[in-house]
Amino acid sequence: MDTMRWAFYRPYGGMKDLWGNTIGFYTGTINSVCGFLKGKGWKFRNYCHVEIGMKVADVRAVLNRRSDLNKGKLVLTIFGLSDDAYIYYSSASRNPDGTNGTRWGTEETLFKNHDRWDVYEVTSLRSTEAMVETCQAEVDKPYDYTGLASFLTLFGLINEKLKWYCSEICYHIFSGKWVRRISPFAAFLEIELRIIKEILV
């Protein structure tokens, strides 16, 4: 069974990261209350962003087999990285290069604030090849601001299929399923039982 990594970002407290705290606290509280009402106990994590990671050696093995996937920014991103390194994927409203939406990223660019990340090694639901295929199919898609706004609605049905926010694309890659509304903390609850160990970054 393949393994992968999930990286969850905890915002700085107070006004220093008001947007991140708003997302993390609001969505985390909703998921915590729902879990409690379902008899699952009270759990809460103030997560406002999530990334998924795959080992570079595993991704290179896929690209050696699948020339159709060996293209674009993925090739540039893994160039020069060691096989033991991890490459990450998500969607953000503000990427390091000034763009927004889905993109590949390295540990070096991602974990600049090491103390803010909770990283877990997780048993995958899908093969690395299937996940890379989904990533490449969805790379460079815009950020899903509409989907983010769906957290303010009762059923979360407002969403744009060709755009993605972080936990939406990460869970889609992980499971192969599109869930209209899933927060970073809800994604954590989905993968919690598949966690092998926590990783220090």
N, C-alpha and C. Protein backbone atom coordinates (compact mmCIF):
# COMPACT_ATOMS: atom_id res chain seq x y z
N MET A 1 0.84 -1.20 0.00
CA MET A 1 0.00 0.00 0.00
C MET A 1 0.88 1.25 0.00
N ASP A 2 0.58 2.19 -0.87
CA ASP A 2 1.35 3.42 -0.94
C ASP A 2 1.08 4.29 0.29
N THR A 3 2.05 5.14 0.60
CA THR A 3 1.87 6.12 1.67
C THR A 3 2.05 7.51 1.10
N MET A 4 1.59 8.48 1.85
CA MET A 4 1.67 9.87 1.43
C MET A 4 1.75 10.72 2.70
N ARG A 5 1.82 12.03 2.53
CA ARG A 5 1.81 12.92 3.68
C ARG A 5 0.71 13.96 3.54
N TRP A 6 0.16 14.32 4.68
CA TRP A 6 -0.79 15.43 4.78
C TRP A 6 -0.16 16.47 5.70
N ALA A 7 -0.16 17.72 5.27
CA ALA A 7 0.41 18.81 6.07
C ALA A 7 -0.69 19.84 6.34
N PHE A 8 -0.95 20.09 7.62
CA PHE A 8 -2.01 21.01 8.05
C PHE A 8 -1.38 22.25 8.69
N TYR A 9 -1.83 23.41 8.27
CA TYR A 9 -1.26 24.67 8.76
C TYR A 9 -2.13 25.28 9.86
N ARG A 10 -1.47 25.65 10.97
CA ARG A 10 -2.13 26.33 12.07
C ARG A 10 -1.76 27.81 12.02
N PRO A 11 -2.74 28.71 11.91
CA PRO A 11 -2.43 30.15 11.79
C PRO A 11 -1.88 30.72 13.09
N TYR A 12 -1.14 31.81 12.96
CA TYR A 12 -0.70 32.55 14.15
C TYR A 12 -1.93 33.08 14.88
N GLY A 13 -1.82 33.26 16.17
CA GLY A 13 -2.95 33.71 16.97
C GLY A 13 -3.29 35.17 16.77
N GLY A 14 -4.51 35.52 17.10
CA GLY A 14 -4.95 36.92 17.11
C GLY A 14 -5.04 37.56 15.75
N MET A 15 -4.74 38.86 15.71
CA MET A 15 -4.91 39.65 14.49
C MET A 15 -3.79 39.43 13.49
N LYS A 16 -2.71 38.75 13.90
CA LYS A 16 -1.58 38.54 12.99
C LYS A 16 -2.01 37.74 11.76
N ASP A 17 -2.96 36.83 11.94
CA ASP A 17 -3.49 36.06 10.81
C ASP A 17 -4.99 35.94 10.98
N LEU A 18 -5.67 37.08 10.83
CA LEU A 18 -7.11 37.13 11.06
C LEU A 18 -7.86 36.22 10.10
N TRP A 19 -7.49 36.23 8.83
CA TRP A 19 -8.17 35.42 7.82
C TRP A 19 -8.01 33.93 8.13
N GLY A 20 -6.78 33.52 8.43
CA GLY A 20 -6.54 32.12 8.74
C GLY A 20 -7.28 31.66 9.98
N ASN A 21 -7.30 32.50 11.02
CA ASN A 21 -8.00 32.16 12.24
C ASN A 21 -9.51 32.11 12.04
N THR A 22 -10.02 32.99 11.19
CA THR A 22 -11.46 32.97 10.88
C THR A 22 -11.85 31.66 10.23
N ILE A 23 -11.06 31.24 9.23
CA ILE A 23 -11.34 29.97 8.54
C ILE A 23 -11.20 28.80 9.50
N GLY A 24 -10.07 28.75 10.19
CA GLY A 24 -9.80 27.61 11.07
C GLY A 24 -10.79 27.48 12.21
N PHE A 25 -11.07 28.59 12.88
CA PHE A 25 -11.96 28.54 14.03
C PHE A 25 -13.40 28.26 13.61
N TYR A 26 -13.87 28.94 12.56
CA TYR A 26 -15.26 28.78 12.12
C TYR A 26 -15.53 27.36 11.63
N THR A 27 -14.71 26.88 10.68
CA THR A 27 -14.95 25.54 10.13
C THR A 27 -14.63 24.46 11.15
N GLY A 28 -13.59 24.68 11.96
CA GLY A 28 -13.25 23.69 12.99
C GLY A 28 -14.34 23.53 14.01
N THR A 29 -14.94 24.64 14.40
CA THR A 29 -16.02 24.59 15.40
C THR A 29 -17.23 23.85 14.84
N ILE A 30 -17.59 24.13 13.59
CA ILE A 30 -18.72 23.44 12.96
C ILE A 30 -18.49 21.93 12.95
N ASN A 31 -17.30 21.51 12.51
CA ASN A 31 -16.99 20.07 12.45
C ASN A 31 -16.95 19.45 13.85
N SER A 32 -16.44 20.20 14.83
CA SER A 32 -16.37 19.69 16.20
C SER A 32 -17.77 19.48 16.77
N VAL A 33 -18.68 20.44 16.57
CA VAL A 33 -20.04 20.32 17.06
C VAL A 33 -20.75 19.15 16.39
N CYS A 34 -20.60 19.04 15.06
CA CYS A 34 -21.24 17.94 14.34
C CYS A 34 -20.74 16.59 14.84
N GLY A 35 -19.44 16.48 15.05
CA GLY A 35 -18.87 15.24 15.56
C GLY A 35 -19.38 14.90 16.94
N PHE A 36 -19.49 15.91 17.78
CA PHE A 36 -19.98 15.72 19.15
C PHE A 36 -21.43 15.23 19.14
N LEU A 37 -22.25 15.86 18.28
CA LEU A 37 -23.66 15.47 18.20
C LEU A 37 -23.83 14.06 17.64
N LYS A 38 -22.86 13.59 16.88
CA LYS A 38 -22.92 12.23 16.33
C LYS A 38 -22.31 11.20 17.29
N GLY A 39 -21.91 11.66 18.48
CA GLY A 39 -21.38 10.75 19.48
C GLY A 39 -19.92 10.41 19.30
N LYS A 40 -19.19 11.23 18.55
CA LYS A 40 -17.77 10.96 18.28
C LYS A 40 -16.84 11.71 19.23
N GLY A 41 -17.42 12.37 20.23
CA GLY A 41 -16.60 13.12 21.18
C GLY A 41 -16.24 14.49 20.62
N TRP A 42 -15.56 15.27 21.46
CA TRP A 42 -15.19 16.64 21.06
C TRP A 42 -13.75 16.68 20.59
N LYS A 43 -13.56 17.07 19.35
CA LYS A 43 -12.22 17.25 18.79
C LYS A 43 -12.17 18.60 18.10
N PHE A 44 -11.05 19.29 18.25
CA PHE A 44 -10.92 20.58 17.58
C PHE A 44 -9.47 20.84 17.22
N ARG A 45 -9.23 21.23 15.98
CA ARG A 45 -7.92 21.68 15.51
C ARG A 45 -8.14 22.94 14.70
N ASN A 46 -7.36 23.98 14.98
CA ASN A 46 -7.48 25.25 14.27
C ASN A 46 -6.65 25.21 12.99
N TYR A 47 -7.11 24.44 12.01
CA TYR A 47 -6.41 24.32 10.74
C TYR A 47 -7.07 25.21 9.69
N CYS A 48 -6.25 26.01 8.99
CA CYS A 48 -6.82 26.89 7.96
C CYS A 48 -6.33 26.55 6.55
N HIS A 49 -5.35 25.64 6.43
CA HIS A 49 -4.83 25.27 5.11
C HIS A 49 -4.28 23.85 5.18
N VAL A 50 -4.29 23.16 4.04
CA VAL A 50 -3.78 21.79 3.98
C VAL A 50 -3.08 21.54 2.65
N GLU A 51 -2.07 20.69 2.69
CA GLU A 51 -1.32 20.25 1.51
C GLU A 51 -1.18 18.74 1.57
N ILE A 52 -1.06 18.10 0.40
CA ILE A 52 -0.73 16.68 0.38
C ILE A 52 0.65 16.52 -0.23
N GLY A 53 1.40 15.52 0.26
CA GLY A 53 2.76 15.31 -0.23
C GLY A 53 2.99 13.88 -0.68
N MET A 54 3.83 13.75 -1.70
CA MET A 54 4.24 12.44 -2.20
C MET A 54 5.75 12.39 -2.28
N LYS A 55 6.33 11.23 -2.02
CA LYS A 55 7.77 11.08 -2.06
C LYS A 55 8.27 11.27 -3.49
N VAL A 56 9.35 12.02 -3.64
CA VAL A 56 9.88 12.32 -4.98
C VAL A 56 10.24 11.05 -5.73
N ALA A 57 10.83 10.06 -5.04
CA ALA A 57 11.18 8.80 -5.70
C ALA A 57 9.95 8.12 -6.30
N ASP A 58 8.83 8.16 -5.57
CA ASP A 58 7.59 7.54 -6.06
C ASP A 58 7.04 8.30 -7.26
N VAL A 59 7.12 9.63 -7.21
CA VAL A 59 6.63 10.45 -8.32
C VAL A 59 7.50 10.22 -9.56
N ARG A 60 8.81 10.15 -9.37
CA ARG A 60 9.71 9.91 -10.51
C ARG A 60 9.43 8.55 -11.15
N ALA A 61 9.13 7.55 -10.33
CA ALA A 61 8.81 6.22 -10.85
C ALA A 61 7.55 6.29 -11.73
N VAL A 62 6.58 7.07 -11.30
CA VAL A 62 5.36 7.25 -12.09
C VAL A 62 5.69 7.94 -13.42
N LEU A 63 6.49 8.99 -13.37
CA LEU A 63 6.81 9.74 -14.58
C LEU A 63 7.63 8.90 -15.56
N ASN A 64 8.42 7.97 -15.05
CA ASN A 64 9.18 7.06 -15.93
C ASN A 64 8.26 6.11 -16.68
N ARG A 65 7.14 5.77 -16.06
CA ARG A 65 6.17 4.87 -16.69
C ARG A 65 5.17 5.61 -17.56
N ARG A 66 4.88 6.85 -17.19
CA ARG A 66 3.81 7.60 -17.83
C ARG A 66 4.35 8.88 -18.47
N SER A 67 4.77 8.78 -19.70
CA SER A 67 5.34 9.96 -20.39
C SER A 67 4.30 11.06 -20.56
N ASP A 68 3.00 10.70 -20.57
CA ASP A 68 1.96 11.70 -20.72
C ASP A 68 1.85 12.60 -19.49
N LEU A 69 2.35 12.13 -18.35
CA LEU A 69 2.31 12.93 -17.13
C LEU A 69 3.62 13.70 -16.90
N ASN A 70 4.66 13.34 -17.65
CA ASN A 70 5.99 13.90 -17.45
C ASN A 70 6.11 15.23 -18.21
N LYS A 71 5.46 16.25 -17.65
CA LYS A 71 5.39 17.52 -18.36
C LYS A 71 5.09 18.65 -17.39
N GLY A 72 5.26 19.86 -17.86
CA GLY A 72 4.83 21.05 -17.13
C GLY A 72 5.66 21.34 -15.89
N LYS A 73 5.05 22.05 -14.97
CA LYS A 73 5.75 22.54 -13.78
C LYS A 73 6.18 21.43 -12.84
N LEU A 74 5.54 20.26 -12.91
CA LEU A 74 5.95 19.14 -12.07
C LEU A 74 7.40 18.76 -12.34
N VAL A 75 7.77 18.69 -13.61
CA VAL A 75 9.13 18.32 -13.98
C VAL A 75 10.13 19.33 -13.44
N LEU A 76 9.79 20.61 -13.56
CA LEU A 76 10.68 21.66 -13.05
C LEU A 76 10.75 21.64 -11.53
N THR A 77 9.64 21.32 -10.89
CA THR A 77 9.60 21.35 -9.43
C THR A 77 10.46 20.25 -8.81
N ILE A 78 10.46 19.05 -9.39
CA ILE A 78 11.23 17.95 -8.80
C ILE A 78 12.68 17.94 -9.26
N PHE A 79 13.02 18.77 -10.25
CA PHE A 79 14.39 18.78 -10.75
C PHE A 79 15.36 19.14 -9.62
N GLY A 80 16.37 18.31 -9.42
CA GLY A 80 17.38 18.58 -8.41
C GLY A 80 17.02 18.14 -7.01
N LEU A 81 15.78 17.68 -6.79
CA LEU A 81 15.39 17.21 -5.46
C LEU A 81 15.88 15.77 -5.24
N SER A 82 16.21 15.44 -4.01
CA SER A 82 16.63 14.07 -3.70
C SER A 82 15.42 13.15 -3.72
N ASP A 83 15.66 11.87 -3.94
CA ASP A 83 14.57 10.90 -3.97
C ASP A 83 13.84 10.81 -2.64
N ASP A 84 14.52 11.13 -1.55
CA ASP A 84 13.91 11.05 -0.22
C ASP A 84 13.06 12.27 0.13
N ALA A 85 13.14 13.31 -0.67
CA ALA A 85 12.36 14.53 -0.42
C ALA A 85 10.89 14.28 -0.77
N TYR A 86 10.05 15.23 -0.35
CA TYR A 86 8.62 15.17 -0.67
C TYR A 86 8.24 16.39 -1.49
N ILE A 87 7.32 16.17 -2.42
CA ILE A 87 6.77 17.25 -3.22
C ILE A 87 5.30 17.39 -2.83
N TYR A 88 4.86 18.63 -2.69
CA TYR A 88 3.51 18.88 -2.17
C TYR A 88 2.60 19.52 -3.22
N TYR A 89 1.30 19.37 -2.98
CA TYR A 89 0.30 19.87 -3.93
C TYR A 89 -0.90 20.40 -3.15
N SER A 90 -1.43 21.53 -3.60
CA SER A 90 -2.64 22.08 -3.00
C SER A 90 -3.14 23.23 -3.88
N SER A 91 -4.09 23.97 -3.34
CA SER A 91 -4.59 25.18 -3.98
C SER A 91 -4.59 26.28 -2.93
N ALA A 92 -4.12 27.45 -3.31
CA ALA A 92 -4.03 28.56 -2.36
C ALA A 92 -4.51 29.85 -3.01
N SER A 93 -5.01 30.75 -2.17
CA SER A 93 -5.46 32.05 -2.67
C SER A 93 -4.27 32.95 -2.99
N ARG A 94 -3.11 32.60 -2.43
CA ARG A 94 -1.89 33.37 -2.71
C ARG A 94 -0.69 32.42 -2.70
N ASN A 95 -0.18 32.09 -3.90
CA ASN A 95 0.98 31.22 -4.03
C ASN A 95 2.27 32.03 -4.00
N PRO A 96 3.41 31.38 -3.74
CA PRO A 96 4.69 32.10 -3.67
C PRO A 96 5.04 32.88 -4.94
N ASP A 97 4.56 32.41 -6.10
CA ASP A 97 4.89 33.11 -7.35
C ASP A 97 3.87 34.19 -7.71
N GLY A 98 2.94 34.48 -6.80
CA GLY A 98 1.96 35.53 -7.04
C GLY A 98 0.67 35.06 -7.68
N THR A 99 0.60 33.80 -8.08
CA THR A 99 -0.62 33.27 -8.68
C THR A 99 -1.56 32.77 -7.59
N ASN A 100 -2.73 32.30 -8.00
CA ASN A 100 -3.61 31.59 -7.06
C ASN A 100 -4.09 30.32 -7.73
N GLY A 101 -4.54 29.38 -6.91
CA GLY A 101 -5.06 28.13 -7.46
C GLY A 101 -4.13 26.95 -7.21
N THR A 102 -4.34 25.87 -7.98
CA THR A 102 -3.62 24.62 -7.77
C THR A 102 -2.20 24.71 -8.29
N ARG A 103 -1.27 24.09 -7.54
CA ARG A 103 0.15 24.12 -7.93
C ARG A 103 0.94 23.09 -7.14
N TRP A 104 2.11 22.73 -7.67
CA TRP A 104 3.08 21.90 -6.98
C TRP A 104 3.98 22.79 -6.13
N GLY A 105 4.56 22.24 -5.06
CA GLY A 105 5.48 23.01 -4.23
C GLY A 105 6.47 22.09 -3.53
N THR A 106 7.57 22.66 -3.09
CA THR A 106 8.60 21.89 -2.41
C THR A 106 8.54 22.11 -0.90
N GLU A 107 9.21 21.23 -0.17
CA GLU A 107 9.30 21.38 1.28
C GLU A 107 9.97 22.70 1.65
N GLU A 108 10.96 23.09 0.87
CA GLU A 108 11.70 24.32 1.16
C GLU A 108 10.81 25.55 1.12
N THR A 109 9.95 25.63 0.12
CA THR A 109 9.06 26.80 0.01
C THR A 109 7.88 26.71 0.97
N LEU A 110 7.47 25.48 1.28
CA LEU A 110 6.26 25.28 2.08
C LEU A 110 6.50 25.49 3.57
N PHE A 111 7.56 24.92 4.09
CA PHE A 111 7.75 24.86 5.54
C PHE A 111 8.69 25.94 6.07
N LYS A 112 8.49 27.16 5.62
CA LYS A 112 9.31 28.27 6.12
C LYS A 112 9.03 28.55 7.60
N ASN A 113 7.80 28.35 8.01
CA ASN A 113 7.42 28.48 9.43
C ASN A 113 7.15 27.07 9.97
N HIS A 114 8.22 26.38 10.32
CA HIS A 114 8.11 24.97 10.70
C HIS A 114 7.15 24.75 11.86
N ASP A 115 7.12 25.70 12.79
CA ASP A 115 6.31 25.52 13.99
C ASP A 115 4.81 25.60 13.75
N ARG A 116 4.42 26.02 12.56
CA ARG A 116 2.99 26.18 12.28
C ARG A 116 2.38 24.96 11.59
N TRP A 117 3.17 23.95 11.28
CA TRP A 117 2.68 22.81 10.48
C TRP A 117 2.58 21.53 11.31
N ASP A 118 1.48 20.80 11.13
CA ASP A 118 1.32 19.44 11.63
C ASP A 118 1.35 18.52 10.41
N VAL A 119 2.36 17.66 10.33
CA VAL A 119 2.54 16.81 9.15
C VAL A 119 2.41 15.35 9.57
N TYR A 120 1.64 14.59 8.79
CA TYR A 120 1.39 13.20 9.11
C TYR A 120 1.67 12.30 7.91
N GLU A 121 2.29 11.16 8.19
CA GLU A 121 2.41 10.12 7.17
C GLU A 121 1.15 9.27 7.24
N VAL A 122 0.55 9.03 6.08
CA VAL A 122 -0.79 8.43 6.02
C VAL A 122 -0.80 7.30 4.98
N THR A 123 -1.53 6.26 5.27
CA THR A 123 -1.76 5.21 4.29
C THR A 123 -2.70 5.73 3.20
N SER A 124 -2.29 5.59 1.96
CA SER A 124 -3.07 6.14 0.85
C SER A 124 -4.31 5.29 0.55
N LEU A 125 -5.31 5.93 0.02
CA LEU A 125 -6.47 5.21 -0.52
C LEU A 125 -6.24 4.81 -1.96
N ARG A 126 -5.45 5.63 -2.67
CA ARG A 126 -5.20 5.40 -4.10
C ARG A 126 -3.70 5.26 -4.33
N SER A 127 -3.34 4.75 -5.49
CA SER A 127 -1.93 4.62 -5.84
C SER A 127 -1.31 5.99 -6.10
N THR A 128 0.00 6.08 -5.96
CA THR A 128 0.69 7.33 -6.27
C THR A 128 0.43 7.72 -7.72
N GLU A 129 0.41 6.75 -8.61
CA GLU A 129 0.16 7.04 -10.03
C GLU A 129 -1.20 7.69 -10.23
N ALA A 130 -2.23 7.16 -9.58
CA ALA A 130 -3.57 7.74 -9.70
C ALA A 130 -3.61 9.16 -9.15
N MET A 131 -2.91 9.38 -8.03
CA MET A 131 -2.90 10.71 -7.44
C MET A 131 -2.14 11.72 -8.31
N VAL A 132 -0.99 11.30 -8.86
CA VAL A 132 -0.24 12.20 -9.75
C VAL A 132 -1.07 12.53 -10.99
N GLU A 133 -1.78 11.55 -11.50
CA GLU A 133 -2.63 11.77 -12.68
C GLU A 133 -3.70 12.82 -12.38
N THR A 134 -4.32 12.74 -11.21
CA THR A 134 -5.31 13.74 -10.83
C THR A 134 -4.68 15.11 -10.65
N CYS A 135 -3.52 15.15 -10.00
CA CYS A 135 -2.81 16.43 -9.82
C CYS A 135 -2.51 17.10 -11.15
N GLN A 136 -1.99 16.33 -12.09
CA GLN A 136 -1.62 16.90 -13.39
C GLN A 136 -2.85 17.34 -14.18
N ALA A 137 -3.96 16.64 -13.99
CA ALA A 137 -5.20 17.01 -14.69
C ALA A 137 -5.77 18.32 -14.16
N GLU A 138 -5.50 18.62 -12.88
CA GLU A 138 -6.11 19.78 -12.24
C GLU A 138 -5.14 20.93 -11.97
N VAL A 139 -3.87 20.78 -12.33
CA VAL A 139 -2.88 21.81 -12.03
C VAL A 139 -3.18 23.10 -12.79
N ASP A 140 -2.86 24.22 -12.14
CA ASP A 140 -3.08 25.57 -12.70
C ASP A 140 -4.56 25.95 -12.82
N LYS A 141 -5.43 25.26 -12.09
CA LYS A 141 -6.84 25.66 -12.04
C LYS A 141 -6.99 26.78 -10.99
N PRO A 142 -7.92 27.71 -11.21
CA PRO A 142 -8.07 28.86 -10.29
C PRO A 142 -8.54 28.46 -8.89
N TYR A 143 -8.34 29.36 -7.95
CA TYR A 143 -8.79 29.15 -6.57
C TYR A 143 -10.31 29.27 -6.50
N ASP A 144 -10.92 28.42 -5.68
CA ASP A 144 -12.38 28.36 -5.60
C ASP A 144 -12.91 29.24 -4.47
N TYR A 145 -13.00 30.54 -4.73
CA TYR A 145 -13.55 31.46 -3.73
C TYR A 145 -15.02 31.18 -3.47
N THR A 146 -15.74 30.76 -4.52
CA THR A 146 -17.16 30.45 -4.36
C THR A 146 -17.34 29.26 -3.42
N GLY A 147 -16.52 28.23 -3.60
CA GLY A 147 -16.59 27.08 -2.73
C GLY A 147 -16.29 27.43 -1.28
N LEU A 148 -15.34 28.37 -1.09
CA LEU A 148 -15.02 28.82 0.25
C LEU A 148 -16.23 29.50 0.89
N ALA A 149 -16.95 30.27 0.08
CA ALA A 149 -18.14 30.96 0.57
C ALA A 149 -19.25 29.98 0.94
N SER A 150 -19.18 28.75 0.40
CA SER A 150 -20.24 27.78 0.68
C SER A 150 -20.29 27.39 2.16
N PHE A 151 -19.19 27.65 2.91
CA PHE A 151 -19.20 27.34 4.34
C PHE A 151 -20.16 28.24 5.10
N LEU A 152 -20.60 29.33 4.47
CA LEU A 152 -21.55 30.23 5.10
C LEU A 152 -22.99 29.82 4.82
N THR A 153 -23.18 28.81 3.97
CA THR A 153 -24.53 28.37 3.63
C THR A 153 -24.86 27.09 4.40
N LEU A 154 -26.15 26.74 4.40
CA LEU A 154 -26.61 25.59 5.19
C LEU A 154 -26.09 24.27 4.64
N PHE A 155 -26.19 24.07 3.33
CA PHE A 155 -25.82 22.79 2.75
C PHE A 155 -24.53 22.83 1.93
N GLY A 156 -23.97 24.01 1.71
CA GLY A 156 -22.71 24.11 0.99
C GLY A 156 -22.78 23.71 -0.46
N LEU A 157 -23.88 24.02 -1.11
CA LEU A 157 -24.07 23.56 -2.49
C LEU A 157 -23.53 24.53 -3.53
N ILE A 158 -23.13 25.74 -3.13
CA ILE A 158 -22.56 26.66 -4.12
C ILE A 158 -21.07 26.34 -4.26
N ASN A 159 -20.70 25.99 -5.47
CA ASN A 159 -19.34 25.52 -5.70
C ASN A 159 -19.07 25.56 -7.20
N GLU A 160 -17.81 25.78 -7.58
CA GLU A 160 -17.44 25.78 -8.99
C GLU A 160 -16.55 24.58 -9.26
N LYS A 161 -16.98 23.68 -10.14
CA LYS A 161 -16.32 22.40 -10.34
C LYS A 161 -14.91 22.55 -10.90
N LEU A 162 -14.64 23.56 -11.69
CA LEU A 162 -13.33 23.70 -12.32
C LEU A 162 -12.39 24.59 -11.53
N LYS A 163 -12.78 24.90 -10.28
CA LYS A 163 -11.92 25.66 -9.38
C LYS A 163 -11.81 24.89 -8.07
N TRP A 164 -10.73 25.16 -7.32
CA TRP A 164 -10.49 24.37 -6.11
C TRP A 164 -9.98 25.23 -4.97
N TYR A 165 -10.44 24.95 -3.74
CA TYR A 165 -9.74 25.46 -2.55
C TYR A 165 -8.94 24.29 -1.97
N CYS A 166 -8.11 24.55 -0.96
CA CYS A 166 -7.08 23.60 -0.55
C CYS A 166 -7.61 22.22 -0.17
N SER A 167 -8.47 22.14 0.82
CA SER A 167 -8.93 20.84 1.29
C SER A 167 -9.82 20.14 0.27
N GLU A 168 -10.46 20.91 -0.58
CA GLU A 168 -11.31 20.34 -1.63
C GLU A 168 -10.47 19.54 -2.61
N ILE A 169 -9.36 20.14 -3.11
CA ILE A 169 -8.53 19.42 -4.08
C ILE A 169 -7.74 18.31 -3.40
N CYS A 170 -7.27 18.54 -2.18
CA CYS A 170 -6.49 17.51 -1.50
C CYS A 170 -7.31 16.26 -1.26
N TYR A 171 -8.55 16.43 -0.82
CA TYR A 171 -9.39 15.26 -0.57
C TYR A 171 -9.79 14.58 -1.88
N HIS A 172 -9.96 15.36 -2.93
CA HIS A 172 -10.27 14.80 -4.24
C HIS A 172 -9.11 13.92 -4.73
N ILE A 173 -7.89 14.39 -4.56
CA ILE A 173 -6.72 13.61 -4.96
C ILE A 173 -6.60 12.35 -4.12
N PHE A 174 -6.81 12.49 -2.83
CA PHE A 174 -6.68 11.37 -1.89
C PHE A 174 -7.73 10.29 -2.13
N SER A 175 -8.97 10.69 -2.33
CA SER A 175 -10.08 9.73 -2.38
C SER A 175 -10.59 9.43 -3.78
N GLY A 176 -10.30 10.32 -4.73
CA GLY A 176 -10.88 10.19 -6.06
C GLY A 176 -12.31 10.69 -6.13
N LYS A 177 -12.79 11.27 -5.03
CA LYS A 177 -14.16 11.78 -4.96
C LYS A 177 -14.16 13.29 -4.80
N TRP A 178 -15.15 13.93 -5.37
CA TRP A 178 -15.31 15.37 -5.20
C TRP A 178 -16.36 15.62 -4.13
N VAL A 179 -15.95 16.27 -3.05
CA VAL A 179 -16.85 16.65 -1.97
C VAL A 179 -17.05 18.15 -2.04
N ARG A 180 -18.28 18.59 -2.11
CA ARG A 180 -18.56 20.02 -2.31
C ARG A 180 -18.04 20.89 -1.17
N ARG A 181 -18.13 20.40 0.05
CA ARG A 181 -17.70 21.22 1.18
C ARG A 181 -16.92 20.36 2.17
N ILE A 182 -15.63 20.63 2.26
CA ILE A 182 -14.79 19.91 3.21
C ILE A 182 -13.68 20.85 3.68
N SER A 183 -13.64 21.11 4.95
CA SER A 183 -12.66 22.03 5.53
C SER A 183 -11.36 21.30 5.80
N PRO A 184 -10.27 22.02 6.07
CA PRO A 184 -9.02 21.34 6.46
C PRO A 184 -9.20 20.41 7.66
N PHE A 185 -9.96 20.86 8.68
CA PHE A 185 -10.16 20.02 9.85
C PHE A 185 -11.03 18.81 9.51
N ALA A 186 -12.03 19.00 8.67
CA ALA A 186 -12.87 17.86 8.24
C ALA A 186 -12.02 16.85 7.47
N ALA A 187 -11.08 17.35 6.67
CA ALA A 187 -10.17 16.44 5.95
C ALA A 187 -9.31 15.67 6.95
N PHE A 188 -8.84 16.35 8.00
CA PHE A 188 -8.07 15.66 9.04
C PHE A 188 -8.89 14.53 9.67
N LEU A 189 -10.15 14.79 9.96
CA LEU A 189 -11.00 13.76 10.56
C LEU A 189 -11.20 12.58 9.62
N GLU A 190 -11.18 12.85 8.31
CA GLU A 190 -11.35 11.77 7.33
C GLU A 190 -10.11 10.87 7.27
N ILE A 191 -8.93 11.43 7.49
CA ILE A 191 -7.70 10.65 7.34
C ILE A 191 -7.13 10.20 8.70
N GLU A 192 -7.77 10.61 9.79
CA GLU A 192 -7.20 10.39 11.12
C GLU A 192 -6.88 8.92 11.39
N LEU A 193 -7.77 8.02 11.02
CA LEU A 193 -7.57 6.60 11.31
C LEU A 193 -6.52 5.96 10.40
N ARG A 194 -6.09 6.68 9.37
CA ARG A 194 -5.08 6.16 8.44
C ARG A 194 -3.69 6.71 8.74
N ILE A 195 -3.58 7.53 9.79
CA ILE A 195 -2.29 8.11 10.14
C ILE A 195 -1.34 7.05 10.67
N ILE A 196 -0.14 7.02 10.12
CA ILE A 196 0.90 6.08 10.57
C ILE A 196 1.74 6.72 11.66
N LYS A 197 2.15 7.96 11.43
CA LYS A 197 2.95 8.68 12.42
C LYS A 197 2.97 10.16 12.07
N GLU A 198 3.32 10.97 13.07
CA GLU A 198 3.51 12.40 12.84
C GLU A 198 4.96 12.64 12.42
N ILE A 199 5.16 13.58 11.51
CA ILE A 199 6.48 13.89 10.96
C ILE A 199 6.94 15.26 11.46
N LEU A 200 8.16 15.35 11.93
CA LEU A 200 8.73 16.64 12.31
C LEU A 200 9.36 17.28 11.08
N VAL A 201 9.03 18.53 10.83
CA VAL A 201 9.59 19.25 9.68
C VAL A 201 10.42 20.43 10.14
